[in-house]
Amino acid sequence: MSTSTPEESRSEESRSSDDHCTPDALLHSAPSRDVTPEDMVMATGRDVTPANLAWARRKLESEGPAAIEKLLP
């Protein structure tokens, strides 16, 4: 059972009619430039070391720039 007043219900109704879906293109984070191995390492939260950079290079070679999207929410 609702405890809101008629005025509150009307404002809720008008608020819900203003709601709309966010376009899909705005929900994804596409890099504005090429993804670098440093970007990949930093996205994992690891230190930028030669071993981690080598891992990132291999990952980018096998999966391409989309590899970073798997790491970021």
Foldseek 3Di string as FASTA:
>chain_A
DDPDDPVVVVVVVVVVVPDDDDDPVVVADDDPDAQALVNQCVLQVHDDDPVSSVVSVVQCVVPNRCSSVVSHD
